[in-house]
mmCIF file of all heavy atoms, coordinates in Angstrom:
data_MODEL
# 
_entry.id   MODEL 
# 
loop_
_atom_site.group_PDB 
_atom_site.id 
_atom_site.type_symbol 
_atom_site.label_atom_id 
_atom_site.label_alt_id 
_atom_site.label_comp_id 
_atom_site.label_asym_id 
_atom_site.label_entity_id 
_atom_site.label_seq_id 
_atom_site.pdbx_PDB_ins_code 
_atom_site.Cartn_x 
_atom_site.Cartn_y 
_atom_site.Cartn_z 
_atom_site.occupancy 
_atom_site.B_iso_or_equiv 
_atom_site.pdbx_formal_charge 
_atom_site.auth_seq_id 
_atom_site.auth_comp_id 
_atom_site.auth_asym_id 
_atom_site.auth_atom_id 
_atom_site.pdbx_PDB_model_num 
ATOM 1   N N   . TYR A 1 1  ? 0.817   -1.215 0.000   1.00 0.00 ? 1  TYR A N   1 
ATOM 2   C CA  . TYR A 1 1  ? 0.000   0.000  0.000   1.00 0.00 ? 1  TYR A CA  1 
ATOM 3   C C   . TYR A 1 1  ? 0.850   1.265  0.000   1.00 0.00 ? 1  TYR A C   1 
ATOM 4   O O   . TYR A 1 1  ? 0.411   2.301  -0.503  1.00 0.00 ? 1  TYR A O   1 
ATOM 5   C CB  . TYR A 1 1  ? -0.988  -0.037 1.175   1.00 0.00 ? 1  TYR A CB  1 
ATOM 6   C CG  . TYR A 1 1  ? -2.106  -1.017 0.909   1.00 0.00 ? 1  TYR A CG  1 
ATOM 7   C CD1 . TYR A 1 1  ? -2.081  -2.303 1.457   1.00 0.00 ? 1  TYR A CD1 1 
ATOM 8   C CD2 . TYR A 1 1  ? -3.159  -0.691 0.060   1.00 0.00 ? 1  TYR A CD2 1 
ATOM 9   C CE1 . TYR A 1 1  ? -3.077  -3.217 1.173   1.00 0.00 ? 1  TYR A CE1 1 
ATOM 10  C CE2 . TYR A 1 1  ? -4.161  -1.599 -0.221  1.00 0.00 ? 1  TYR A CE2 1 
ATOM 11  C CZ  . TYR A 1 1  ? -4.118  -2.859 0.336   1.00 0.00 ? 1  TYR A CZ  1 
ATOM 12  O OH  . TYR A 1 1  ? -5.101  -3.771 0.041   1.00 0.00 ? 1  TYR A OH  1 
ATOM 13  N N   . ASN A 1 2  ? 2.051   1.194  0.522   1.00 0.00 ? 2  ASN A N   1 
ATOM 14  C CA  . ASN A 1 2  ? 2.964   2.338  0.419   1.00 0.00 ? 2  ASN A CA  1 
ATOM 15  C C   . ASN A 1 2  ? 3.271   2.637  -1.053  1.00 0.00 ? 2  ASN A C   1 
ATOM 16  O O   . ASN A 1 2  ? 3.303   3.802  -1.472  1.00 0.00 ? 2  ASN A O   1 
ATOM 17  C CB  . ASN A 1 2  ? 4.268   2.065  1.165   1.00 0.00 ? 2  ASN A CB  1 
ATOM 18  C CG  . ASN A 1 2  ? 4.107   2.109  2.672   1.00 0.00 ? 2  ASN A CG  1 
ATOM 19  O OD1 . ASN A 1 2  ? 3.128   2.652  3.190   1.00 0.00 ? 2  ASN A OD1 1 
ATOM 20  N ND2 . ASN A 1 2  ? 5.065   1.533  3.383   1.00 0.00 ? 2  ASN A ND2 1 
ATOM 21  N N   . GLN A 1 3  ? 3.518   1.584  -1.826  1.00 0.00 ? 3  GLN A N   1 
ATOM 22  C CA  . GLN A 1 3  ? 3.800   1.757  -3.255  1.00 0.00 ? 3  GLN A CA  1 
ATOM 23  C C   . GLN A 1 3  ? 2.612   2.378  -3.967  1.00 0.00 ? 3  GLN A C   1 
ATOM 24  O O   . GLN A 1 3  ? 2.776   3.272  -4.811  1.00 0.00 ? 3  GLN A O   1 
ATOM 25  C CB  . GLN A 1 3  ? 4.162   0.414  -3.879  1.00 0.00 ? 3  GLN A CB  1 
ATOM 26  C CG  . GLN A 1 3  ? 5.500   -0.145 -3.428  1.00 0.00 ? 3  GLN A CG  1 
ATOM 27  C CD  . GLN A 1 3  ? 5.742   -1.558 -3.944  1.00 0.00 ? 3  GLN A CD  1 
ATOM 28  O OE1 . GLN A 1 3  ? 4.817   -2.259 -4.354  1.00 0.00 ? 3  GLN A OE1 1 
ATOM 29  N NE2 . GLN A 1 3  ? 6.994   -1.981 -3.931  1.00 0.00 ? 3  GLN A NE2 1 
ATOM 30  N N   . ARG A 1 4  ? 1.438   1.919  -3.647  1.00 0.00 ? 4  ARG A N   1 
ATOM 31  C CA  . ARG A 1 4  ? 0.230   2.470  -4.272  1.00 0.00 ? 4  ARG A CA  1 
ATOM 32  C C   . ARG A 1 4  ? 0.016   3.927  -3.844  1.00 0.00 ? 4  ARG A C   1 
ATOM 33  O O   . ARG A 1 4  ? -0.381  4.767  -4.657  1.00 0.00 ? 4  ARG A O   1 
ATOM 34  C CB  . ARG A 1 4  ? -0.995  1.641  -3.879  1.00 0.00 ? 4  ARG A CB  1 
ATOM 35  C CG  . ARG A 1 4  ? -0.932  0.201  -4.356  1.00 0.00 ? 4  ARG A CG  1 
ATOM 36  C CD  . ARG A 1 4  ? -2.270  -0.471 -4.198  1.00 0.00 ? 4  ARG A CD  1 
ATOM 37  N NE  . ARG A 1 4  ? -3.253  0.102  -5.100  1.00 0.00 ? 4  ARG A NE  1 
ATOM 38  C CZ  . ARG A 1 4  ? -4.568  -0.057 -4.981  1.00 0.00 ? 4  ARG A CZ  1 
ATOM 39  N NH1 . ARG A 1 4  ? -5.058  -0.769 -3.971  1.00 0.00 ? 4  ARG A NH1 1 
ATOM 40  N NH2 . ARG A 1 4  ? -5.394  0.487  -5.843  1.00 0.00 ? 4  ARG A NH2 1 
ATOM 41  N N   . ARG A 1 5  ? 0.271   4.229  -2.573  1.00 0.00 ? 5  ARG A N   1 
ATOM 42  C CA  . ARG A 1 5  ? 0.088   5.596  -2.071  1.00 0.00 ? 5  ARG A CA  1 
ATOM 43  C C   . ARG A 1 5  ? 1.063   6.556  -2.732  1.00 0.00 ? 5  ARG A C   1 
ATOM 44  O O   . ARG A 1 5  ? 0.694   7.681  -3.108  1.00 0.00 ? 5  ARG A O   1 
ATOM 45  C CB  . ARG A 1 5  ? 0.262   5.615  -0.547  1.00 0.00 ? 5  ARG A CB  1 
ATOM 46  C CG  . ARG A 1 5  ? -0.179  6.907  0.129   1.00 0.00 ? 5  ARG A CG  1 
ATOM 47  C CD  . ARG A 1 5  ? 0.012   6.834  1.633   1.00 0.00 ? 5  ARG A CD  1 
ATOM 48  N NE  . ARG A 1 5  ? -0.765  5.755  2.227   1.00 0.00 ? 5  ARG A NE  1 
ATOM 49  C CZ  . ARG A 1 5  ? -0.233  4.661  2.757   1.00 0.00 ? 5  ARG A CZ  1 
ATOM 50  N NH1 . ARG A 1 5  ? 1.089   4.488  2.766   1.00 0.00 ? 5  ARG A NH1 1 
ATOM 51  N NH2 . ARG A 1 5  ? -1.007  3.727  3.283   1.00 0.00 ? 5  ARG A NH2 1 
ATOM 52  N N   . GLN A 1 6  ? 2.292   6.118  -2.912  1.00 0.00 ? 6  GLN A N   1 
ATOM 53  C CA  . GLN A 1 6  ? 3.285   6.981  -3.542  1.00 0.00 ? 6  GLN A CA  1 
ATOM 54  C C   . GLN A 1 6  ? 2.980   7.192  -5.024  1.00 0.00 ? 6  GLN A C   1 
ATOM 55  O O   . GLN A 1 6  ? 3.312   8.234  -5.592  1.00 0.00 ? 6  GLN A O   1 
ATOM 56  C CB  . GLN A 1 6  ? 4.687   6.377  -3.368  1.00 0.00 ? 6  GLN A CB  1 
ATOM 57  C CG  . GLN A 1 6  ? 5.165   6.346  -1.916  1.00 0.00 ? 6  GLN A CG  1 
ATOM 58  C CD  . GLN A 1 6  ? 5.025   7.690  -1.217  1.00 0.00 ? 6  GLN A CD  1 
ATOM 59  O OE1 . GLN A 1 6  ? 5.420   8.723  -1.757  1.00 0.00 ? 6  GLN A OE1 1 
ATOM 60  N NE2 . GLN A 1 6  ? 4.455   7.679  -0.011  1.00 0.00 ? 6  GLN A NE2 1 
ATOM 61  N N   . GLN A 1 7  ? 2.337   6.215  -5.643  1.00 0.00 ? 7  GLN A N   1 
ATOM 62  C CA  . GLN A 1 7  ? 1.978   6.344  -7.049  1.00 0.00 ? 7  GLN A CA  1 
ATOM 63  C C   . GLN A 1 7  ? 0.990   7.494  -7.267  1.00 0.00 ? 7  GLN A C   1 
ATOM 64  O O   . GLN A 1 7  ? 0.979   8.116  -8.337  1.00 0.00 ? 7  GLN A O   1 
ATOM 65  C CB  . GLN A 1 7  ? 1.378   5.037  -7.571  1.00 0.00 ? 7  GLN A CB  1 
ATOM 66  C CG  . GLN A 1 7  ? 1.206   5.001  -9.085  1.00 0.00 ? 7  GLN A CG  1 
ATOM 67  C CD  . GLN A 1 7  ? 0.521   3.735  -9.570  1.00 0.00 ? 7  GLN A CD  1 
ATOM 68  O OE1 . GLN A 1 7  ? -0.176  3.058  -8.807  1.00 0.00 ? 7  GLN A OE1 1 
ATOM 69  N NE2 . GLN A 1 7  ? 0.710   3.402  -10.819 1.00 0.00 ? 7  GLN A NE2 1 
ATOM 70  N N   . LEU A 1 8  ? 0.179   7.791  -6.257  1.00 0.00 ? 8  LEU A N   1 
ATOM 71  C CA  . LEU A 1 8  ? -0.794  8.874  -6.388  1.00 0.00 ? 8  LEU A CA  1 
ATOM 72  C C   . LEU A 1 8  ? -0.128  10.223 -6.661  1.00 0.00 ? 8  LEU A C   1 
ATOM 73  O O   . LEU A 1 8  ? -0.721  11.091 -7.297  1.00 0.00 ? 8  LEU A O   1 
ATOM 74  C CB  . LEU A 1 8  ? -1.643  8.987  -5.122  1.00 0.00 ? 8  LEU A CB  1 
ATOM 75  C CG  . LEU A 1 8  ? -2.613  7.847  -4.819  1.00 0.00 ? 8  LEU A CG  1 
ATOM 76  C CD1 . LEU A 1 8  ? -3.390  8.140  -3.552  1.00 0.00 ? 8  LEU A CD1 1 
ATOM 77  C CD2 . LEU A 1 8  ? -3.561  7.627  -5.991  1.00 0.00 ? 8  LEU A CD2 1 
ATOM 78  N N   . LYS A 1 9  ? 1.096   10.373 -6.168  1.00 0.00 ? 9  LYS A N   1 
ATOM 79  C CA  . LYS A 1 9  ? 1.791   11.653 -6.334  1.00 0.00 ? 9  LYS A CA  1 
ATOM 80  C C   . LYS A 1 9  ? 2.257   11.875 -7.777  1.00 0.00 ? 9  LYS A C   1 
ATOM 81  O O   . LYS A 1 9  ? 2.635   12.984 -8.140  1.00 0.00 ? 9  LYS A O   1 
ATOM 82  C CB  . LYS A 1 9  ? 2.991   11.714 -5.387  1.00 0.00 ? 9  LYS A CB  1 
ATOM 83  C CG  . LYS A 1 9  ? 2.611   11.595 -3.910  1.00 0.00 ? 9  LYS A CG  1 
ATOM 84  C CD  . LYS A 1 9  ? 3.834   11.594 -3.014  1.00 0.00 ? 9  LYS A CD  1 
ATOM 85  C CE  . LYS A 1 9  ? 3.449   11.469 -1.542  1.00 0.00 ? 9  LYS A CE  1 
ATOM 86  N NZ  . LYS A 1 9  ? 4.624   11.468 -0.637  1.00 0.00 ? 9  LYS A NZ  1 
ATOM 87  N N   . LYS A 1 10 ? 2.198   10.809 -8.580  1.00 0.00 ? 10 LYS A N   1 
ATOM 88  C CA  . LYS A 1 10 ? 2.713   10.890 -9.942  1.00 0.00 ? 10 LYS A CA  1 
ATOM 89  C C   . LYS A 1 10 ? 1.612   10.996 -10.986 1.00 0.00 ? 10 LYS A C   1 
ATOM 90  O O   . LYS A 1 10 ? 1.890   11.052 -12.175 1.00 0.00 ? 10 LYS A O   1 
ATOM 91  C CB  . LYS A 1 10 ? 3.570   9.651  -10.242 1.00 0.00 ? 10 LYS A CB  1 
ATOM 92  C CG  . LYS A 1 10 ? 4.723   9.440  -9.265  1.00 0.00 ? 10 LYS A CG  1 
ATOM 93  C CD  . LYS A 1 10 ? 5.443   8.128  -9.550  1.00 0.00 ? 10 LYS A CD  1 
ATOM 94  C CE  . LYS A 1 10 ? 6.538   7.862  -8.531  1.00 0.00 ? 10 LYS A CE  1 
ATOM 95  N NZ  . LYS A 1 10 ? 7.215   6.554  -8.778  1.00 0.00 ? 10 LYS A NZ  1 
ATOM 96  N N   . VAL A 1 11 ? 0.358   10.998 -10.555 1.00 0.00 ? 11 VAL A N   1 
ATOM 97  C CA  . VAL A 1 11 ? -0.756  10.993 -11.506 1.00 0.00 ? 11 VAL A CA  1 
ATOM 98  C C   . VAL A 1 11 ? -1.689  12.170 -11.247 1.00 0.00 ? 11 VAL A C   1 
ATOM 99  O O   . VAL A 1 11 ? -1.658  12.785 -10.176 1.00 0.00 ? 11 VAL A O   1 
ATOM 100 C CB  . VAL A 1 11 ? -1.552  9.672  -11.430 1.00 0.00 ? 11 VAL A CB  1 
ATOM 101 C CG1 . VAL A 1 11 ? -0.654  8.491  -11.787 1.00 0.00 ? 11 VAL A CG1 1 
ATOM 102 C CG2 . VAL A 1 11 ? -2.155  9.482  -10.041 1.00 0.00 ? 11 VAL A CG2 1 
ATOM 103 N N   . GLN A 1 12 ? -2.515  12.461 -12.229 1.00 0.00 ? 12 GLN A N   1 
ATOM 104 C CA  . GLN A 1 12 ? -3.458  13.568 -12.142 1.00 0.00 ? 12 GLN A CA  1 
ATOM 105 C C   . GLN A 1 12 ? -4.850  13.094 -12.582 1.00 0.00 ? 12 GLN A C   1 
ATOM 106 O O   . GLN A 1 12 ? -4.973  12.130 -13.340 1.00 0.00 ? 12 GLN A O   1 
ATOM 107 C CB  . GLN A 1 12 ? -3.007  14.723 -13.049 1.00 0.00 ? 12 GLN A CB  1 
ATOM 108 C CG  . GLN A 1 12 ? -1.677  15.343 -12.679 1.00 0.00 ? 12 GLN A CG  1 
ATOM 109 C CD  . GLN A 1 12 ? -1.706  16.022 -11.329 1.00 0.00 ? 12 GLN A CD  1 
ATOM 110 O OE1 . GLN A 1 12 ? -2.739  16.567 -10.933 1.00 0.00 ? 12 GLN A OE1 1 
ATOM 111 N NE2 . GLN A 1 12 ? -0.576  15.990 -10.618 1.00 0.00 ? 12 GLN A NE2 1 
ATOM 112 N N   . PRO A 1 13 ? -5.895  13.779 -12.132 1.00 0.00 ? 13 PRO A N   1 
ATOM 113 C CA  . PRO A 1 13 ? -7.236  13.456 -12.630 1.00 0.00 ? 13 PRO A CA  1 
ATOM 114 C C   . PRO A 1 13 ? -7.292  13.588 -14.149 1.00 0.00 ? 13 PRO A C   1 
ATOM 115 O O   . PRO A 1 13 ? -6.618  14.442 -14.728 1.00 0.00 ? 13 PRO A O   1 
ATOM 116 C CB  . PRO A 1 13 ? -8.128  14.498 -11.956 1.00 0.00 ? 13 PRO A CB  1 
ATOM 117 C CG  . PRO A 1 13 ? -7.349  14.972 -10.767 1.00 0.00 ? 13 PRO A CG  1 
ATOM 118 C CD  . PRO A 1 13 ? -5.906  14.884 -11.156 1.00 0.00 ? 13 PRO A CD  1 
ATOM 119 N N   . ASN A 1 14 ? -8.079  12.746 -14.784 1.00 0.00 ? 14 ASN A N   1 
ATOM 120 C CA  . ASN A 1 14 ? -8.240  12.826 -16.232 1.00 0.00 ? 14 ASN A CA  1 
ATOM 121 C C   . ASN A 1 14 ? -9.586  13.480 -16.564 1.00 0.00 ? 14 ASN A C   1 
ATOM 122 O O   . ASN A 1 14 ? -10.364 13.802 -15.661 1.00 0.00 ? 14 ASN A O   1 
ATOM 123 C CB  . ASN A 1 14 ? -8.068  11.442 -16.864 1.00 0.00 ? 14 ASN A CB  1 
ATOM 124 C CG  . ASN A 1 14 ? -9.135  10.458 -16.437 1.00 0.00 ? 14 ASN A CG  1 
ATOM 125 O OD1 . ASN A 1 14 ? -10.335 10.699 -16.623 1.00 0.00 ? 14 ASN A OD1 1 
ATOM 126 N ND2 . ASN A 1 14 ? -8.723  9.322  -15.869 1.00 0.00 ? 14 ASN A ND2 1 
ATOM 127 N N   . PRO A 1 15 ? -9.881  13.702 -17.854 1.00 0.00 ? 15 PRO A N   1 
ATOM 128 C CA  . PRO A 1 15 ? -11.121 14.401 -18.212 1.00 0.00 ? 15 PRO A CA  1 
ATOM 129 C C   . PRO A 1 15 ? -12.401 13.767 -17.666 1.00 0.00 ? 15 PRO A C   1 
ATOM 130 O O   . PRO A 1 15 ? -13.393 14.474 -17.446 1.00 0.00 ? 15 PRO A O   1 
ATOM 131 C CB  . PRO A 1 15 ? -11.090 14.365 -19.742 1.00 0.00 ? 15 PRO A CB  1 
ATOM 132 C CG  . PRO A 1 15 ? -9.633  14.386 -20.082 1.00 0.00 ? 15 PRO A CG  1 
ATOM 133 C CD  . PRO A 1 15 ? -8.990  13.527 -19.029 1.00 0.00 ? 15 PRO A CD  1 
ATOM 134 N N   . ALA A 1 16 ? -12.410 12.444 -17.442 1.00 0.00 ? 16 ALA A N   1 
ATOM 135 C CA  . ALA A 1 16 ? -13.606 11.809 -16.893 1.00 0.00 ? 16 ALA A CA  1 
ATOM 136 C C   . ALA A 1 16 ? -13.846 12.260 -15.454 1.00 0.00 ? 16 ALA A C   1 
ATOM 137 O O   . ALA A 1 16 ? -14.991 12.536 -15.060 1.00 0.00 ? 16 ALA A O   1 
ATOM 138 C CB  . ALA A 1 16 ? -13.458 10.285 -16.950 1.00 0.00 ? 16 ALA A CB  1 
ATOM 139 N N   . HIS A 1 17 ? -12.787 12.333 -14.650 1.00 0.00 ? 17 HIS A N   1 
ATOM 140 C CA  . HIS A 1 17 ? -12.918 12.837 -13.281 1.00 0.00 ? 17 HIS A CA  1 
ATOM 141 C C   . HIS A 1 17 ? -13.416 14.272 -13.294 1.00 0.00 ? 17 HIS A C   1 
ATOM 142 O O   . HIS A 1 17 ? -14.300 14.655 -12.512 1.00 0.00 ? 17 HIS A O   1 
ATOM 143 C CB  . HIS A 1 17 ? -11.567 12.785 -12.546 1.00 0.00 ? 17 HIS A CB  1 
ATOM 144 C CG  . HIS A 1 17 ? -11.025 11.411 -12.341 1.00 0.00 ? 17 HIS A CG  1 
ATOM 145 N ND1 . HIS A 1 17 ? -9.987  10.911 -13.098 1.00 0.00 ? 17 HIS A ND1 1 
ATOM 146 C CD2 . HIS A 1 17 ? -11.351 10.424 -11.462 1.00 0.00 ? 17 HIS A CD2 1 
ATOM 147 C CE1 . HIS A 1 17 ? -9.696  9.683  -12.685 1.00 0.00 ? 17 HIS A CE1 1 
ATOM 148 N NE2 . HIS A 1 17 ? -10.516 9.358  -11.701 1.00 0.00 ? 17 HIS A NE2 1 
ATOM 149 N N   . VAL A 1 18 ? -12.839 15.071 -14.173 1.00 0.00 ? 18 VAL A N   1 
ATOM 150 C CA  . VAL A 1 18 ? -13.204 16.486 -14.256 1.00 0.00 ? 18 VAL A CA  1 
ATOM 151 C C   . VAL A 1 18 ? -14.657 16.638 -14.698 1.00 0.00 ? 18 VAL A C   1 
ATOM 152 O O   . VAL A 1 18 ? -15.401 17.484 -14.178 1.00 0.00 ? 18 VAL A O   1 
ATOM 153 C CB  . VAL A 1 18 ? -12.258 17.228 -15.225 1.00 0.00 ? 18 VAL A CB  1 
ATOM 154 C CG1 . VAL A 1 18 ? -12.716 18.668 -15.430 1.00 0.00 ? 18 VAL A CG1 1 
ATOM 155 C CG2 . VAL A 1 18 ? -10.829 17.195 -14.697 1.00 0.00 ? 18 VAL A CG2 1 
ATOM 156 N N   . ALA A 1 19 ? -15.086 15.804 -15.649 1.00 0.00 ? 19 ALA A N   1 
ATOM 157 C CA  . ALA A 1 19 ? -16.463 15.873 -16.137 1.00 0.00 ? 19 ALA A CA  1 
ATOM 158 C C   . ALA A 1 19 ? -17.466 15.596 -15.023 1.00 0.00 ? 19 ALA A C   1 
ATOM 159 O O   . ALA A 1 19 ? -18.494 16.281 -14.910 1.00 0.00 ? 19 ALA A O   1 
ATOM 160 C CB  . ALA A 1 19 ? -16.652 14.887 -17.286 1.00 0.00 ? 19 ALA A CB  1 
ATOM 161 N N   . LEU A 1 20 ? -17.190 14.605 -14.188 1.00 0.00 ? 20 LEU A N   1 
ATOM 162 C CA  . LEU A 1 20 ? -18.112 14.284 -13.092 1.00 0.00 ? 20 LEU A CA  1 
ATOM 163 C C   . LEU A 1 20 ? -18.133 15.395 -12.052 1.00 0.00 ? 20 LEU A C   1 
ATOM 164 O O   . LEU A 1 20 ? -19.193 15.688 -11.473 1.00 0.00 ? 20 LEU A O   1 
ATOM 165 C CB  . LEU A 1 20 ? -17.721 12.949 -12.455 1.00 0.00 ? 20 LEU A CB  1 
ATOM 166 C CG  . LEU A 1 20 ? -17.961 11.717 -13.328 1.00 0.00 ? 20 LEU A CG  1 
ATOM 167 C CD1 . LEU A 1 20 ? -17.437 10.461 -12.650 1.00 0.00 ? 20 LEU A CD1 1 
ATOM 168 C CD2 . LEU A 1 20 ? -19.440 11.561 -13.670 1.00 0.00 ? 20 LEU A CD2 1 
ATOM 169 N N   . ALA A 1 21 ? -17.008 16.036 -11.818 1.00 0.00 ? 21 ALA A N   1 
ATOM 170 C CA  . ALA A 1 21 ? -16.988 17.181 -10.910 1.00 0.00 ? 21 ALA A CA  1 
ATOM 171 C C   . ALA A 1 21 ? -17.781 18.342 -11.496 1.00 0.00 ? 21 ALA A C   1 
ATOM 172 O O   . ALA A 1 21 ? -18.496 19.061 -10.777 1.00 0.00 ? 21 ALA A O   1 
ATOM 173 C CB  . ALA A 1 21 ? -15.548 17.605 -10.636 1.00 0.00 ? 21 ALA A CB  1 
ATOM 174 N N   . THR A 1 22 ? -17.684 18.522 -12.806 1.00 0.00 ? 22 THR A N   1 
ATOM 175 C CA  . THR A 1 22 ? -18.459 19.565 -13.497 1.00 0.00 ? 22 THR A CA  1 
ATOM 176 C C   . THR A 1 22 ? -19.948 19.280 -13.404 1.00 0.00 ? 22 THR A C   1 
ATOM 177 O O   . THR A 1 22 ? -20.768 20.186 -13.196 1.00 0.00 ? 22 THR A O   1 
ATOM 178 C CB  . THR A 1 22 ? -18.024 19.651 -14.970 1.00 0.00 ? 22 THR A CB  1 
ATOM 179 O OG1 . THR A 1 22 ? -16.634 19.965 -15.037 1.00 0.00 ? 22 THR A OG1 1 
ATOM 180 C CG2 . THR A 1 22 ? -18.819 20.721 -15.703 1.00 0.00 ? 22 THR A CG2 1 
ATOM 181 N N   . LEU A 1 23 ? -20.316 18.010 -13.554 1.00 0.00 ? 23 LEU A N   1 
ATOM 182 C CA  . LEU A 1 23 ? -21.719 17.616 -13.429 1.00 0.00 ? 23 LEU A CA  1 
ATOM 183 C C   . LEU A 1 23 ? -22.247 17.953 -12.045 1.00 0.00 ? 23 LEU A C   1 
ATOM 184 O O   . LEU A 1 23 ? -23.332 18.532 -11.902 1.00 0.00 ? 23 LEU A O   1 
ATOM 185 C CB  . LEU A 1 23 ? -21.861 16.126 -13.700 1.00 0.00 ? 23 LEU A CB  1 
ATOM 186 C CG  . LEU A 1 23 ? -23.277 15.542 -13.558 1.00 0.00 ? 23 LEU A CG  1 
ATOM 187 C CD1 . LEU A 1 23 ? -24.202 16.085 -14.646 1.00 0.00 ? 23 LEU A CD1 1 
ATOM 188 C CD2 . LEU A 1 23 ? -23.236 14.017 -13.604 1.00 0.00 ? 23 LEU A CD2 1 
ATOM 189 N N   . GLU A 1 24 ? -21.481 17.607 -11.022 1.00 0.00 ? 24 GLU A N   1 
ATOM 190 C CA  . GLU A 1 24 ? -21.906 17.895 -9.652  1.00 0.00 ? 24 GLU A CA  1 
ATOM 191 C C   . GLU A 1 24 ? -22.110 19.395 -9.441  1.00 0.00 ? 24 GLU A C   1 
ATOM 192 O O   . GLU A 1 24 ? -23.074 19.827 -8.796  1.00 0.00 ? 24 GLU A O   1 
ATOM 193 C CB  . GLU A 1 24 ? -20.870 17.372 -8.656  1.00 0.00 ? 24 GLU A CB  1 
ATOM 194 C CG  . GLU A 1 24 ? -21.220 17.661 -7.203  1.00 0.00 ? 24 GLU A CG  1 
ATOM 195 C CD  . GLU A 1 24 ? -20.076 17.342 -6.255  1.00 0.00 ? 24 GLU A CD  1 
ATOM 196 O OE1 . GLU A 1 24 ? -19.574 16.211 -6.312  1.00 0.00 ? 24 GLU A OE1 1 
ATOM 197 O OE2 . GLU A 1 24 ? -19.687 18.241 -5.476  1.00 0.00 ? 24 GLU A OE2 1 
ATOM 198 N N   . LYS A 1 25 ? -21.228 20.181 -9.993  1.00 0.00 ? 25 LYS A N   1 
ATOM 199 C CA  . LYS A 1 25 ? -21.278 21.634 -9.798  1.00 0.00 ? 25 LYS A CA  1 
ATOM 200 C C   . LYS A 1 25 ? -22.466 22.274 -10.507 1.00 0.00 ? 25 LYS A C   1 
ATOM 201 O O   . LYS A 1 25 ? -23.038 23.263 -10.020 1.00 0.00 ? 25 LYS A O   1 
ATOM 202 C CB  . LYS A 1 25 ? -19.976 22.259 -10.301 1.00 0.00 ? 25 LYS A CB  1 
ATOM 203 C CG  . LYS A 1 25 ? -19.885 23.765 -10.087 1.00 0.00 ? 25 LYS A CG  1 
ATOM 204 C CD  . LYS A 1 25 ? -18.542 24.292 -10.579 1.00 0.00 ? 25 LYS A CD  1 
ATOM 205 C CE  . LYS A 1 25 ? -18.456 25.811 -10.380 1.00 0.00 ? 25 LYS A CE  1 
ATOM 206 N NZ  . LYS A 1 25 ? -17.146 26.338 -10.865 1.00 0.00 ? 25 LYS A NZ  1 
ATOM 207 N N   . ASN A 1 26 ? -22.877 21.702 -11.640 1.00 0.00 ? 26 ASN A N   1 
ATOM 208 C CA  . ASN A 1 26 ? -23.865 22.365 -12.490 1.00 0.00 ? 26 ASN A CA  1 
ATOM 209 C C   . ASN A 1 26 ? -25.237 21.695 -12.527 1.00 0.00 ? 26 ASN A C   1 
ATOM 210 O O   . ASN A 1 26 ? -26.193 22.288 -13.017 1.00 0.00 ? 26 ASN A O   1 
ATOM 211 C CB  . ASN A 1 26 ? -23.323 22.471 -13.920 1.00 0.00 ? 26 ASN A CB  1 
ATOM 212 C CG  . ASN A 1 26 ? -22.133 23.407 -14.025 1.00 0.00 ? 26 ASN A CG  1 
ATOM 213 O OD1 . ASN A 1 26 ? -22.279 24.619 -14.022 1.00 0.00 ? 26 ASN A OD1 1 
ATOM 214 N ND2 . ASN A 1 26 ? -20.939 22.823 -14.113 1.00 0.00 ? 26 ASN A ND2 1 
ATOM 215 N N   . TRP A 1 27 ? -25.322 20.475 -12.035 1.00 0.00 ? 27 TRP A N   1 
ATOM 216 C CA  . TRP A 1 27 ? -26.599 19.775 -12.075 1.00 0.00 ? 27 TRP A CA  1 
ATOM 217 C C   . TRP A 1 27 ? -27.519 20.293 -10.976 1.00 0.00 ? 27 TRP A C   1 
ATOM 218 O O   . TRP A 1 27 ? -27.139 20.308 -9.805  1.00 0.00 ? 27 TRP A O   1 
ATOM 219 C CB  . TRP A 1 27 ? -26.383 18.272 -11.919 1.00 0.00 ? 27 TRP A CB  1 
ATOM 220 C CG  . TRP A 1 27 ? -27.638 17.461 -12.045 1.00 0.00 ? 27 TRP A CG  1 
ATOM 221 C CD1 . TRP A 1 27 ? -28.274 16.772 -11.052 1.00 0.00 ? 27 TRP A CD1 1 
ATOM 222 C CD2 . TRP A 1 27 ? -28.407 17.269 -13.228 1.00 0.00 ? 27 TRP A CD2 1 
ATOM 223 N NE1 . TRP A 1 27 ? -29.398 16.161 -11.551 1.00 0.00 ? 27 TRP A NE1 1 
ATOM 224 C CE2 . TRP A 1 27 ? -29.510 16.456 -12.891 1.00 0.00 ? 27 TRP A CE2 1 
ATOM 225 C CE3 . TRP A 1 27 ? -28.279 17.722 -14.550 1.00 0.00 ? 27 TRP A CE3 1 
ATOM 226 C CZ2 . TRP A 1 27 ? -30.465 16.072 -13.813 1.00 0.00 ? 27 TRP A CZ2 1 
ATOM 227 C CZ3 . TRP A 1 27 ? -29.237 17.339 -15.477 1.00 0.00 ? 27 TRP A CZ3 1 
ATOM 228 C CH2 . TRP A 1 27 ? -30.311 16.517 -15.105 1.00 0.00 ? 27 TRP A CH2 1 
# 
């Protein structure tokens, strides 16, 4: 789980994550 946790620091949300956040904000 340390390896998985450290991997989070190397990645970013993609357009699908952003789209769902946009839906929440505007729906």
